[in-house]
Amino acid sequence: MGRPRLHDEHLRQRLLEAATDLMAVDGPDFSLRPLVASVGTSTSAVYSLFGSRGELLEAITLRAARSFVDAQEAARVDDPAQHISGLAHAIRAWAKEHAAMFQVVFGRSADSPAVGEARDSTTEPLLRAVTEATEAGVLHGDPAVATGTIFAGVHGFITLELLGLYPADQADALFDAQLAAIWRSWATPEHVSAVA
């Protein structure tokens, strides 16, 4: 009978989850000691499962970015206005449920080509939706610029909300009001009230 595998996929996922929490708080310079202690293993597991500290950091960010994009892809609907509004709400819901991952995706990290590509992918669903809405005559202007302003507005709101700067009983209404204001700045006249 062979030796049981101690460094398996289950341990890998536990390390990723715990490392995500540490990286969200301490940035990419977090210590491996509290990481391995929190999951009851040793630093040898990190090197066995990830190869290096840098590959661990990369895996944390890639996992978070993939989850973020998947949440947006799941919000797809045919109506252009509802699709963009739905994406904004999906982004916010994901960030509130996965606050540590949100910090990892958009916080400090050791960049690599793979991390840069993963970060770029985080706005692709919104850019596609805005491009489709522009082509359908629902929005006007440059889709890349519109996407940048929509994403910046949503991201900024979420960041402040996660910091606790919006009262919980007012946050939903404030978010909807912000979305409506952003929408009005890019909507064509006949679609200006589609998001209210």
Protein backbone atom coordinates (compact mmCIF):
# COMPACT_ATOMS: atom_id res chain seq x y z
CA MET A 1 0.00 0.00 0.00
CA GLY A 2 1.40 3.43 -1.01
CA ARG A 3 1.88 6.37 1.33
CA PRO A 4 -1.20 8.60 1.70
CA ARG A 5 -0.97 11.88 -0.17
CA LEU A 6 -0.72 14.67 2.38
CA HIS A 7 -0.40 17.54 -0.08
CA ASP A 8 -3.60 17.09 -2.06
CA GLU A 9 -6.12 19.32 -3.86
CA HIS A 10 -8.16 19.76 -0.68
CA LEU A 11 -5.14 21.18 1.13
CA ARG A 12 -4.32 23.34 -1.89
CA GLN A 13 -7.80 24.92 -1.78
CA ARG A 14 -7.58 25.46 2.00
CA LEU A 15 -4.23 27.20 1.54
CA LEU A 16 -5.65 29.39 -1.23
CA GLU A 17 -8.60 30.43 0.92
CA ALA A 18 -6.46 31.20 3.97
CA ALA A 19 -3.81 32.97 1.86
CA THR A 20 -6.52 35.10 0.23
CA ASP A 21 -7.62 36.34 3.65
CA LEU A 22 -4.03 37.13 4.66
CA MET A 23 -3.21 38.85 1.38
CA ALA A 24 -6.36 40.99 1.59
CA VAL A 25 -5.18 42.36 4.93
CA ASP A 26 -1.37 42.34 4.69
CA GLY A 27 -0.77 42.53 0.95
CA PRO A 28 1.59 40.22 -0.92
CA ASP A 29 4.23 40.36 1.83
CA PHE A 30 2.19 38.28 4.28
CA SER A 31 4.14 35.70 6.26
CA LEU A 32 3.85 32.03 5.36
CA ARG A 33 4.04 31.00 9.03
CA PRO A 34 0.53 32.12 10.04
CA LEU A 35 -0.76 30.78 6.72
CA VAL A 36 0.45 27.23 7.23
CA ALA A 37 -0.40 27.31 10.94
CA SER A 38 -4.00 28.28 10.14
CA VAL A 39 -4.51 25.13 8.05
CA GLY A 40 -2.34 22.81 10.14
CA THR A 41 0.43 22.16 7.67
CA SER A 42 4.01 23.25 7.00
CA THR A 43 5.77 25.52 4.53
CA SER A 44 6.85 22.44 2.61
CA ALA A 45 3.20 22.05 1.57
CA VAL A 46 3.25 25.50 -0.04
CA TYR A 47 6.32 24.62 -2.10
CA SER A 48 5.04 21.15 -2.91
CA LEU A 49 1.64 22.41 -4.11
CA PHE A 50 2.60 25.75 -5.69
CA GLY A 51 6.30 25.52 -6.49
CA SER A 52 7.22 28.88 -4.99
CA ARG A 53 5.87 31.79 -2.99
CA GLY A 54 5.46 33.77 -6.22
CA GLU A 55 3.35 31.03 -7.77
CA LEU A 56 1.19 30.96 -4.64
CA LEU A 57 0.60 34.71 -4.92
CA GLU A 58 -0.23 34.31 -8.60
CA ALA A 59 -2.65 31.44 -7.89
CA ILE A 60 -4.45 33.53 -5.25
CA THR A 61 -5.02 36.41 -7.68
CA LEU A 62 -5.95 34.18 -10.64
CA ARG A 63 -8.51 32.33 -8.51
CA ALA A 64 -10.09 35.56 -7.30
CA ALA A 65 -10.20 37.13 -10.77
CA ARG A 66 -11.74 33.99 -12.27
CA SER A 67 -14.45 33.93 -9.59
CA PHE A 68 -15.17 37.62 -10.22
CA VAL A 69 -15.53 37.11 -13.98
CA ASP A 70 -17.69 33.98 -13.51
CA ALA A 71 -20.10 35.96 -11.31
CA GLN A 72 -20.48 38.54 -14.08
CA GLU A 73 -20.94 35.92 -16.80
CA ALA A 74 -23.77 34.39 -14.78
CA ALA A 75 -25.63 37.73 -14.87
CA ARG A 76 -26.06 37.75 -18.67
CA VAL A 77 -29.49 38.74 -20.02
CA ASP A 78 -30.59 39.81 -23.51
CA ASP A 79 -31.89 43.30 -22.73
CA PRO A 80 -28.89 45.69 -22.97
CA ALA A 81 -29.99 48.05 -20.18
CA GLN A 82 -30.89 45.25 -17.80
CA HIS A 83 -27.69 43.42 -18.67
CA ILE A 84 -25.49 46.36 -17.68
CA SER A 85 -27.50 47.02 -14.53
CA GLY A 86 -27.41 43.31 -13.72
CA LEU A 87 -23.64 43.25 -14.14
CA ALA A 88 -23.25 46.15 -11.71
CA HIS A 89 -25.42 44.37 -9.16
CA ALA A 90 -23.56 41.08 -9.72
CA ILE A 91 -20.22 42.81 -9.17
CA ARG A 92 -21.46 44.34 -5.93
CA ALA A 93 -23.01 41.10 -4.66
CA TRP A 94 -19.82 39.16 -5.43
CA ALA A 95 -17.65 41.76 -3.70
CA LYS A 96 -19.81 41.73 -0.57
CA GLU A 97 -19.75 37.93 -0.44
CA HIS A 98 -16.04 37.69 -1.30
CA ALA A 99 -14.56 40.84 0.23
CA ALA A 100 -11.11 39.29 0.63
CA MET A 101 -11.04 38.22 -3.02
CA PHE A 102 -12.15 41.71 -4.06
CA GLN A 103 -9.19 43.15 -2.14
CA VAL A 104 -6.84 40.64 -3.76
CA VAL A 105 -7.98 41.31 -7.32
CA PHE A 106 -7.73 45.09 -7.01
CA GLY A 107 -5.16 45.48 -4.24
CA ARG A 108 -1.40 45.27 -4.10
CA SER A 109 0.19 42.13 -5.50
CA ALA A 110 3.31 40.87 -7.16
CA ASP A 111 2.43 41.36 -10.81
CA SER A 112 3.21 38.79 -13.45
CA PRO A 113 2.00 38.52 -17.06
CA ALA A 114 -0.66 36.04 -15.91
CA VAL A 115 -1.86 38.36 -13.13
CA GLY A 116 -1.95 41.33 -15.52
CA GLU A 117 -4.02 39.31 -17.99
CA ALA A 118 -6.36 38.14 -15.22
CA ARG A 119 -6.88 41.70 -14.00
CA ASP A 120 -7.58 42.87 -17.56
CA SER A 121 -10.21 40.12 -17.87
CA THR A 122 -12.21 41.51 -14.95
CA THR A 123 -13.77 44.28 -17.06
CA GLU A 124 -14.29 42.22 -20.23
CA PRO A 125 -17.91 41.20 -19.48
CA LEU A 126 -18.86 44.84 -18.87
CA LEU A 127 -16.98 46.03 -21.96
CA ARG A 128 -18.81 43.46 -24.10
CA ALA A 129 -22.16 44.53 -22.64
CA VAL A 130 -21.45 48.23 -23.19
CA THR A 131 -20.22 47.58 -26.73
CA GLU A 132 -23.40 45.64 -27.54
CA ALA A 133 -25.55 48.40 -26.03
CA THR A 134 -23.70 51.03 -28.07
CA GLU A 135 -24.11 49.02 -31.27
CA ALA A 136 -27.83 48.67 -30.51
CA GLY A 137 -28.17 52.46 -30.09
CA VAL A 138 -28.94 52.21 -26.38
CA LEU A 139 -25.72 53.96 -25.31
CA HIS A 140 -23.59 56.54 -27.09
CA GLY A 141 -19.89 57.35 -27.11
CA ASP A 142 -16.76 55.26 -26.92
CA PRO A 143 -17.54 51.88 -25.30
CA ALA A 144 -14.09 51.68 -23.68
CA VAL A 145 -14.50 55.10 -22.05
CA ALA A 146 -18.07 54.34 -20.95
CA THR A 147 -16.94 51.01 -19.50
CA GLY A 148 -14.14 52.74 -17.62
CA THR A 149 -16.47 55.26 -16.01
CA ILE A 150 -19.14 52.68 -15.15
CA PHE A 151 -16.59 50.33 -13.63
CA ALA A 152 -14.88 53.12 -11.72
CA GLY A 153 -18.19 54.25 -10.26
CA VAL A 154 -19.25 50.74 -9.24
CA HIS A 155 -15.81 49.86 -7.89
CA GLY A 156 -15.57 53.09 -5.91
CA PHE A 157 -18.99 52.59 -4.35
CA ILE A 158 -18.16 49.01 -3.37
CA THR A 159 -14.83 50.04 -1.87
CA LEU A 160 -16.50 52.66 0.31
CA GLU A 161 -19.29 50.26 1.24
CA LEU A 162 -16.84 47.56 2.30
CA LEU A 163 -15.12 50.16 4.48
CA GLY A 164 -18.46 50.66 6.24
CA LEU A 165 -18.94 54.25 5.08
CA TYR A 166 -22.54 53.78 3.91
CA PRO A 167 -25.28 52.94 6.43
CA ALA A 168 -26.55 49.43 5.69
CA ASP A 169 -30.16 50.61 5.48
CA GLN A 170 -29.27 53.21 2.83
CA ALA A 171 -26.66 51.39 0.75
CA ASP A 172 -29.05 49.72 -1.73
CA ALA A 173 -30.86 52.96 -2.54
CA LEU A 174 -27.59 54.86 -2.87
CA PHE A 175 -26.18 52.22 -5.20
CA ASP A 176 -29.28 52.29 -7.39
CA ALA A 177 -29.19 56.10 -7.50
CA GLN A 178 -25.55 56.04 -8.56
CA LEU A 179 -26.24 53.47 -11.28
CA ALA A 180 -29.10 55.57 -12.62
CA ALA A 181 -26.89 58.67 -12.70
CA ILE A 182 -24.10 56.86 -14.52
CA TRP A 183 -26.61 55.37 -16.95
CA ARG A 184 -28.08 58.78 -17.78
CA SER A 185 -24.63 60.08 -18.71
CA TRP A 186 -24.21 57.42 -21.43
CA ALA A 187 -27.76 56.55 -22.51
CA THR A 188 -29.21 57.80 -25.76
CA PRO A 189 -32.27 60.07 -25.24
CA GLU A 190 -34.86 57.36 -25.88
CA HIS A 191 -33.21 55.02 -23.34
CA VAL A 192 -32.28 57.51 -20.62
CA SER A 193 -34.91 56.20 -18.18
CA ALA A 194 -34.24 52.49 -18.80
CA VAL A 195 -32.24 52.29 -15.55
CA ALA A 196 -33.96 54.23 -12.79
